[in-house]
Each structure stands twice: as structure tokens, then as C-alpha cells.
């Protein structure tokens, strides 16, 4: 089966060669659509790609990605961004992904590694009418047909570019023209939060939660809503938002840690300790598409439990949790400090 890598780019001369060099030996075709570069992006792309074309930017990422898919001749379509790479370790896992599509998979979902976070994304899709991007920003493709999961991962690296308010302005433009989906409202609200426009973020996220939406997005929306309320000094409203996330699914470690942090901030260390202990019991939901940090299921609650139990006067239990933390992260700055503090 022929795999086409499809990309959209703009002013990526600093990172594009790094990306394409890492993946060129894995795929059968490379398609690059340039959406308006003024640097050497197109020149660099031409050294690697089978197809390099320009595309008139319409403030619509889905439209551009669908156009890149339309230029591909492969049986399967793969996507990456210019600031993504395939590490040598993950390149070795690509043959197993090919085996999945040879066995009849239509959608292959793979880990996407971004800093300390890892989450699942649709990465390789059969070239049919179902492989269609949706969403003007933070676009995605709904998985279709026979779905398979691969260990092959793409790694996102910082490119140093400042997006400014680009995404927020795109959402504002489209919100004036059409009814935004629940997913769009979720990301629209998050853009307001990123730009510290908390009142606007709260309004959009509450609208999203009142309507239809994917349960994973609703859980994350509750967490972002809580962060907005905390920035506004509305602690009770923040707690209500976090507890509301339990309406949509199993408690997530990141949410539970936020609850613990609020009680800790109120110096209610017993309540805080209860919630941080619950975080240690939470499952990993990354395969469902969650954006959770692995630290929220281990190192973060363990460190917080050291503080909480010491504040409660239970030094023995504080030391017990310190030793658990030390076993998994002996060089962590807080672990080093605690080791000296407890004179261990």
C-alpha cells in the first residue's frame, strides 16, 4: 500500500528540512502545500517532496489540509506539521504500522508526543471520501472504518514562532458567519483562556457544556473553566466546574489534582491529601484522546502529599510519600530539597 505524507506549511524554513529528513524514507510520496511563505520554505520542500504547490489561505486549516489530501496519489494519507519529527526509535516502529494497513485498517491512531504530554491522534487514513478534515482551527478527522492503534509516534518540537492571536481571530471570524460545533466552541473558549480573556472564555465554555460535544472535550472544558474562575478569584465556581467533569466520565488525574490544589491553597490539608491520593488511583486515558500529563498520575500528587502530611503533623507519612517520589524521580529538584529537609 502506498502512503502519501501530506503537509501544509508557511514560513517554515527553520524546521521543514528537519521534519522531511526524518520521514522521507518511511513514506512513498510527499505532498507539500505552501499557504503563503515569504522565505525559503518552497525551495526546501522541493528537495524532498514529489508535489509542491501553493494554496490561497482562507483562514481555514481544514480547507488547506483537505486540499493537500486532494493532491495525493497514495492508498493511504498521513499528515504531519513542519515542526514535527519522527525519531529514530519511532522510525523502527513504522513497519508495524504498515502491517496494520496491509491487514485492512482504515484509520490508524498513533501517539502524538508534545513536550511532557502525549495523546492519541488519527495519523494515517485510507484515501477515501471519509478522510475529510473538519474545523477551521485545531482541525481533525473523525476516525472511520476499521480502526487500529499503532505504537509509532510523531514528536512535536518547538519552532520558536509566535502565533499571537491568529487562532482566536480565526474563530471570531467564523463565529460571526456560522454556528460553531461543540468541538469548535471548546477550542474557541481555550483560545480566550490562553489570551487571559477569562470572562469571554467562561461564556464560550459554558455554552459548549450546555450543548452537544465529545465527552473528552467536555471534561477538559470543565478543567479550563475552573482555571478561568480561579484567575477571577471565584474558588467555589472553580470547584463546581471541576466536580461537574465527573458527569461526563471517570475522574481524570489532572482534574483531581486541581481539586487537591484548591484545598491545599485554602490550607485544608486533610481534604487536599484525600484528593491527591485519588489522583494516584486514576487511570491513563490518553488512548481516548485526553490531554492529561502523566505527571498528574504520579510525581505531582506524590510531591503534594509530602507537603500535605507534613502540614498535618504526620511526618512519618510525609517521609513515606517522599521515598515513593524518590524511587521514581531521585533527581527532581523538589525531591532533592525534601531529602535535605528530612535529613535522609
Protein backbone atom coordinates (compact mmCIF):
# COMPACT_ATOMS: atom_id res chain seq x y z
CA UNK A 1 0.00 0.00 0.00
CA UNK A 2 1.35 3.43 -0.97
CA UNK A 3 1.45 6.04 1.80
CA UNK A 4 1.42 9.76 0.97
CA UNK A 5 2.60 12.28 3.53
CA UNK A 6 0.54 15.46 3.18
CA UNK A 7 1.60 18.76 4.74
CA UNK A 8 0.57 22.41 4.79
CA UNK A 9 3.31 24.93 5.54
CA UNK A 10 4.05 28.64 5.79
CA UNK A 11 7.40 30.26 6.55
CA UNK A 12 8.93 27.07 7.95
CA UNK A 13 12.47 27.29 6.54
CA UNK A 14 13.95 26.83 10.03
CA UNK A 15 12.38 23.41 10.65
CA UNK A 16 11.00 21.93 7.43
CA UNK A 17 14.15 20.08 6.37
CA UNK A 18 14.44 18.53 9.84
CA UNK A 19 10.89 17.22 9.53
CA UNK A 20 11.14 15.86 6.00
CA UNK A 21 14.56 14.32 6.53
CA UNK A 22 13.16 12.33 9.46
CA UNK A 23 10.27 10.83 7.49
CA UNK A 24 11.36 10.71 3.81
CA UNK A 25 12.48 7.06 3.95
CA UNK A 26 9.21 5.90 5.53
CA UNK A 27 6.63 7.18 3.04
CA UNK A 28 6.15 6.69 -0.69
CA UNK A 29 5.10 10.22 -1.62
CA UNK A 30 5.39 13.68 -0.06
CA UNK A 31 2.88 16.43 -0.86
CA UNK A 32 3.53 19.96 0.43
CA UNK A 33 1.07 22.84 0.07
CA UNK A 34 2.53 26.27 0.78
CA UNK A 35 -0.07 28.70 2.10
CA UNK A 36 1.88 31.90 1.53
CA UNK A 37 5.54 31.65 2.56
CA UNK A 38 7.86 34.59 2.07
CA UNK A 39 11.03 32.67 2.98
CA UNK A 40 12.80 29.59 1.53
CA UNK A 41 10.10 27.12 2.56
CA UNK A 42 9.05 26.18 -1.00
CA UNK A 43 12.69 25.79 -2.07
CA UNK A 44 13.40 23.41 0.81
CA UNK A 45 10.19 21.47 0.20
CA UNK A 46 11.17 20.93 -3.45
CA UNK A 47 14.28 18.99 -2.35
CA UNK A 48 12.12 16.35 -0.66
CA UNK A 49 8.57 16.47 -1.98
CA UNK A 50 7.01 14.88 -5.05
CA UNK A 51 4.38 17.64 -5.16
CA UNK A 52 4.88 21.26 -4.10
CA UNK A 53 2.04 23.67 -4.78
CA UNK A 54 0.70 26.94 -3.43
CA UNK A 55 -2.70 27.29 -1.81
CA UNK A 56 -4.56 30.54 -1.18
CA UNK A 57 -5.03 30.86 2.57
CA UNK A 58 -8.69 31.18 3.65
CA UNK A 59 -8.34 31.30 7.46
CA UNK A 60 -9.38 27.65 7.41
CA UNK A 61 -6.90 24.92 8.33
CA UNK A 62 -9.31 22.12 7.38
CA UNK A 63 -9.71 23.54 3.87
CA UNK A 64 -5.95 23.65 3.39
CA UNK A 65 -5.41 20.12 4.72
CA UNK A 66 -8.22 18.75 2.56
CA UNK A 67 -6.55 20.38 -0.44
CA UNK A 68 -3.26 18.66 0.45
CA UNK A 69 -5.06 15.33 0.64
CA UNK A 70 -6.59 16.03 -2.74
CA UNK A 71 -3.15 16.28 -4.35
CA UNK A 72 -2.02 12.87 -3.04
CA UNK A 73 -2.00 9.65 -5.07
CA UNK A 74 -1.41 7.21 -2.23
CA UNK A 75 -3.74 4.50 -1.00
CA UNK A 76 -3.24 5.96 2.48
CA UNK A 77 -2.78 9.52 3.68
CA UNK A 78 -0.53 10.61 6.52
CA UNK A 79 -0.18 14.09 7.95
CA UNK A 80 2.48 15.96 9.91
CA UNK A 81 3.28 19.58 10.74
CA UNK A 82 6.58 21.20 9.83
CA UNK A 83 7.65 21.33 13.47
CA UNK A 84 7.08 17.58 13.91
CA UNK A 85 9.73 14.88 13.56
CA UNK A 86 9.95 11.09 13.58
CA UNK A 87 12.69 9.96 15.93
CA UNK A 88 14.97 7.06 15.03
CA UNK A 89 13.26 4.96 17.70
CA UNK A 90 9.83 5.60 16.21
CA UNK A 91 11.01 5.08 12.64
CA UNK A 92 11.72 1.48 13.63
CA UNK A 93 8.04 1.11 14.56
CA UNK A 94 6.75 2.23 11.17
CA UNK A 95 6.83 -1.26 9.55
CA UNK A 96 4.35 -2.41 12.20
CA UNK A 97 2.05 0.45 11.17
CA UNK A 98 2.33 -0.64 7.54
CA UNK A 99 1.37 -4.15 8.62
CA UNK A 100 -1.83 -2.75 10.13
CA UNK A 101 -2.95 -1.15 6.89
CA UNK A 102 -1.98 -4.21 4.89
CA UNK A 103 -4.24 -6.16 7.27
CA UNK A 104 -7.20 -3.93 6.41
CA UNK A 105 -7.12 -0.96 8.80
CA UNK A 106 -8.81 2.22 7.54
CA UNK A 107 -7.75 4.57 10.34
CA UNK A 108 -4.53 4.20 12.30
CA UNK A 109 -4.35 6.13 15.56
CA UNK A 110 -0.89 6.91 16.93
CA UNK A 111 0.60 8.72 19.92
CA UNK A 112 1.45 12.38 19.43
CA UNK A 113 4.27 13.48 21.75
CA UNK A 114 4.30 17.17 22.65
CA UNK A 115 6.67 18.08 25.45
CA UNK A 116 5.60 16.28 28.62
CA UNK A 117 2.22 15.43 27.12
CA UNK A 118 1.21 12.54 24.90
CA UNK A 119 -2.19 11.99 23.34
CA UNK A 120 -3.73 9.92 20.56
CA UNK A 121 -4.31 11.33 17.07
CA UNK A 122 -5.60 9.93 13.79
CA UNK A 123 -2.32 9.78 11.84
CA UNK A 124 -2.78 7.53 8.77
CA UNK A 125 -6.07 7.17 6.91
CA UNK A 126 -7.32 5.28 3.89
CA UNK A 127 -7.68 7.58 0.90
CA UNK A 128 -11.47 7.73 0.63
CA UNK A 129 -14.16 10.41 0.86
CA UNK A 130 -14.29 9.75 4.61
CA UNK A 131 -10.78 11.14 5.09
CA UNK A 132 -12.01 14.71 5.43
CA UNK A 133 -10.73 17.35 7.82
CA UNK A 134 -13.19 19.36 9.90
CA UNK A 135 -12.70 22.51 11.95
CA UNK A 136 -11.32 25.88 10.91
CA UNK A 137 -8.66 25.66 13.67
CA UNK A 138 -7.46 22.63 15.67
CA UNK A 139 -8.79 20.56 12.81
CA UNK A 140 -9.33 16.81 12.96
CA UNK A 141 -10.68 13.82 11.05
CA UNK A 142 -13.33 11.61 12.60
CA UNK A 143 -11.89 8.04 12.65
CA UNK A 144 -13.74 5.77 10.24
CA UNK A 145 -13.93 2.14 9.14
CA UNK A 146 -11.67 -0.40 10.81
CA UNK A 147 -9.68 1.46 13.47
CA UNK A 148 -6.25 0.29 14.62
CA UNK A 149 -3.76 1.62 17.15
CA UNK A 150 -0.02 1.73 16.44
CA UNK A 151 2.94 2.38 18.73
CA UNK A 152 4.58 4.57 16.07
CA UNK A 153 4.61 8.16 17.37
CA UNK A 154 5.24 11.59 15.92
CA UNK A 155 7.07 14.09 18.11
CA UNK A 156 6.24 17.80 18.12
CA UNK A 157 9.17 20.17 18.70
CA UNK A 158 9.02 23.93 19.36
CA UNK A 159 9.68 26.05 16.29
CA UNK A 160 10.05 29.41 18.00
CA UNK A 161 7.22 31.01 16.01
CA UNK A 162 4.76 33.24 17.83
CA UNK A 163 1.20 32.55 16.70
CA UNK A 164 -0.05 35.63 18.51
CA UNK A 165 -3.84 35.92 18.36
CA UNK A 166 -4.12 34.22 14.95
CA UNK A 167 -6.25 31.29 16.11
CA UNK A 168 -8.52 33.47 18.23
CA UNK A 169 -9.11 35.85 15.34
CA UNK A 170 -9.95 32.95 13.02
CA UNK A 171 -12.54 31.66 15.49
CA UNK A 172 -14.01 35.14 15.92
CA UNK A 173 -14.31 35.48 12.15
CA UNK A 174 -16.11 32.17 11.69
CA UNK A 175 -18.31 32.65 14.78
CA UNK A 176 -19.81 35.67 13.02
CA UNK A 177 -20.62 33.63 9.92
CA UNK A 178 -21.82 30.25 11.16
CA UNK A 179 -22.89 28.18 14.13
CA UNK A 180 -19.81 26.65 15.72
CA UNK A 181 -19.83 22.97 16.66
CA UNK A 182 -19.29 21.80 20.23
CA UNK A 183 -15.69 20.97 19.38
CA UNK A 184 -15.11 24.42 17.89
CA UNK A 185 -16.63 26.08 20.96
CA UNK A 186 -14.31 24.06 23.18
CA UNK A 187 -11.19 25.23 21.35
CA UNK A 188 -12.60 28.76 20.94
CA UNK A 189 -13.02 29.00 24.71
CA UNK A 190 -9.50 27.71 25.27
CA UNK A 191 -8.11 30.39 22.94
CA UNK A 192 -9.79 33.06 25.08
CA UNK A 193 -8.23 31.44 28.16
CA UNK A 194 -4.75 31.38 26.61
CA UNK A 195 -5.05 35.12 25.98
CA UNK A 196 -6.28 35.79 29.53
CA UNK A 197 -9.72 36.85 28.39
CA UNK A 198 -11.36 34.90 31.19
CA UNK A 199 -14.87 36.36 31.07
CA UNK A 200 -15.14 35.58 27.36
CA UNK A 201 -13.67 32.11 27.91
CA UNK A 202 -16.18 31.32 30.65
CA UNK A 203 -19.11 32.36 28.44
CA UNK A 204 -17.98 30.22 25.49
CA UNK A 205 -17.08 27.16 27.57
CA UNK A 206 -20.38 27.25 29.46
CA UNK A 207 -22.20 27.42 26.11
CA UNK A 208 -20.22 24.41 24.94
CA UNK A 209 -21.11 22.44 28.07
CA UNK A 210 -24.81 23.20 27.64
CA UNK A 211 -24.83 21.73 24.13
CA UNK A 212 -23.55 18.71 22.30
CA UNK A 213 -19.94 17.69 22.48
CA UNK A 214 -17.48 14.85 22.88
CA UNK A 215 -17.20 13.71 26.49
CA UNK A 216 -13.40 14.09 26.49
CA UNK A 217 -13.71 17.71 25.37
CA UNK A 218 -16.37 18.36 27.99
CA UNK A 219 -14.11 17.03 30.75
CA UNK A 220 -11.26 19.23 29.54
CA UNK A 221 -13.67 22.17 29.20
CA UNK A 222 -14.60 21.80 32.87
CA UNK A 223 -10.92 21.95 33.82
CA UNK A 224 -10.27 25.04 31.69
CA UNK A 225 -13.43 26.65 33.05
CA UNK A 226 -12.15 26.05 36.58
CA UNK A 227 -8.83 27.68 35.73
CA UNK A 228 -10.69 30.74 34.42
CA UNK A 229 -12.72 31.01 37.65
CA UNK A 230 -9.56 30.70 39.73
CA UNK A 231 -7.97 33.55 37.78
CA UNK A 232 -11.08 35.60 38.59
CA UNK A 233 -10.86 34.71 42.28
CA UNK A 234 -14.00 32.54 42.15
CA UNK A 235 -12.89 29.48 44.08
CA UNK A 236 -16.32 27.91 44.66
CA UNK A 237 -17.22 28.28 40.99
CA UNK A 238 -13.91 26.61 40.10
CA UNK A 239 -14.68 23.64 42.35
CA UNK A 240 -18.17 23.31 40.87
CA UNK A 241 -16.66 23.21 37.37
CA UNK A 242 -14.17 20.53 38.36
CA UNK A 243 -16.80 18.38 40.07
CA UNK A 244 -19.06 18.81 37.01
CA UNK A 245 -16.44 16.93 34.97
CA UNK A 246 -17.49 13.74 36.79
CA UNK A 247 -20.81 13.95 34.90
CA UNK A 248 -19.01 13.08 31.68
CA UNK A 249 -16.70 10.27 32.64
CA UNK A 250 -14.26 8.69 35.03
CA UNK A 251 -12.26 11.19 37.12
CA UNK A 252 -9.10 12.35 35.37
CA UNK A 253 -5.90 12.78 37.34
CA UNK A 254 -5.38 16.34 36.10
CA UNK A 255 -8.85 17.35 37.33
CA UNK A 256 -8.40 15.61 40.67
CA UNK A 257 -5.02 17.32 41.18
CA UNK A 258 -6.67 20.69 40.53
CA UNK A 259 -9.24 19.93 43.24
CA UNK A 260 -6.46 18.98 45.63
CA UNK A 261 -4.56 22.17 44.79
CA UNK A 262 -7.57 24.33 45.62
CA UNK A 263 -8.00 22.72 49.05
CA UNK A 264 -4.27 22.97 49.66
CA UNK A 265 -4.42 26.68 48.81
CA UNK A 266 -7.14 27.02 51.46
CA UNK A 267 -4.85 25.21 53.92
CA UNK A 268 -7.38 22.36 54.16
CA UNK A 269 -4.58 19.81 54.04
CA UNK A 270 -6.69 16.80 55.03
CA UNK A 271 -9.10 17.39 52.14
CA UNK A 272 -6.21 18.12 49.81
CA UNK A 273 -4.45 14.88 50.77
CA UNK A 274 -7.64 12.91 50.06
CA UNK A 275 -7.82 14.24 46.50
CA UNK A 276 -4.11 13.86 45.76
CA UNK A 277 -4.36 10.22 46.87
CA UNK A 278 -7.26 9.76 44.47
CA UNK A 279 -5.10 11.12 41.64
CA UNK A 280 -2.69 8.23 42.19
CA UNK A 281 -5.59 5.84 41.53
CA UNK A 282 -6.74 7.45 38.28
CA UNK A 283 -6.29 5.52 35.04
CA UNK A 284 -4.41 6.66 31.97
CA UNK A 285 -6.99 7.91 29.44
CA UNK A 286 -4.63 9.09 26.71
CA UNK A 287 -5.86 6.45 24.24
CA UNK A 288 -9.29 8.07 24.47
CA UNK A 289 -7.82 11.38 23.27
CA UNK A 290 -7.25 13.02 26.66
CA UNK A 291 -4.61 15.73 27.06
CA UNK A 292 -3.52 14.65 30.53
CA UNK A 293 0.04 14.97 31.74
CA UNK A 294 1.49 11.67 33.01
CA UNK A 295 2.94 13.63 35.95
CA UNK A 296 -0.59 14.16 37.28
CA UNK A 297 -0.89 10.43 37.88
CA UNK A 298 2.41 10.09 39.73
CA UNK A 299 5.04 12.71 40.54
CA UNK A 300 2.72 15.70 41.10
CA UNK A 301 0.35 14.11 43.66
CA UNK A 302 3.24 12.36 45.42
CA UNK A 303 5.09 15.63 45.95
CA UNK A 304 1.90 17.33 47.12
CA UNK A 305 1.21 14.53 49.60
CA UNK A 306 4.62 15.10 51.19
CA UNK A 307 3.65 18.72 51.81
CA UNK A 308 0.12 17.95 52.99
CA UNK A 309 1.04 15.28 55.52
CA UNK A 310 3.93 17.34 56.88
CA UNK A 311 1.50 20.24 57.36
CA UNK A 312 -0.88 17.87 59.17
CA UNK A 313 1.91 16.91 61.56
CA UNK A 314 2.22 13.38 60.19
CA UNK A 315 5.94 13.44 59.41
CA UNK A 316 6.16 9.65 59.11
CA UNK A 317 3.61 9.57 56.29
CA UNK A 318 5.23 12.59 54.66
CA UNK A 319 8.55 10.73 54.61
CA UNK A 320 6.79 7.64 53.26
CA UNK A 321 5.50 9.61 50.27
CA UNK A 322 8.89 11.27 49.85
CA UNK A 323 10.50 7.84 49.49
CA UNK A 324 7.93 6.84 46.87
CA UNK A 325 8.72 10.01 44.95
CA UNK A 326 12.45 9.48 45.31
CA UNK A 327 12.13 5.98 43.84
CA UNK A 328 10.78 7.34 40.55
CA UNK A 329 12.46 10.77 40.31
CA UNK A 330 15.56 10.92 42.54
CA UNK A 331 16.97 13.99 40.78
CA UNK A 332 13.78 16.07 40.76
CA UNK A 333 14.55 19.46 42.43
CA UNK A 334 11.71 19.05 44.96
CA UNK A 335 12.89 15.52 45.81
CA UNK A 336 16.42 16.78 46.35
CA UNK A 337 15.10 19.56 48.60
CA UNK A 338 12.92 17.16 50.59
CA UNK A 339 15.80 14.73 51.04
CA UNK A 340 17.85 17.50 52.65
CA UNK A 341 14.86 18.79 54.61
CA UNK A 342 14.15 15.40 56.17
CA UNK A 343 17.90 14.77 56.54
CA UNK A 344 17.68 11.42 54.78
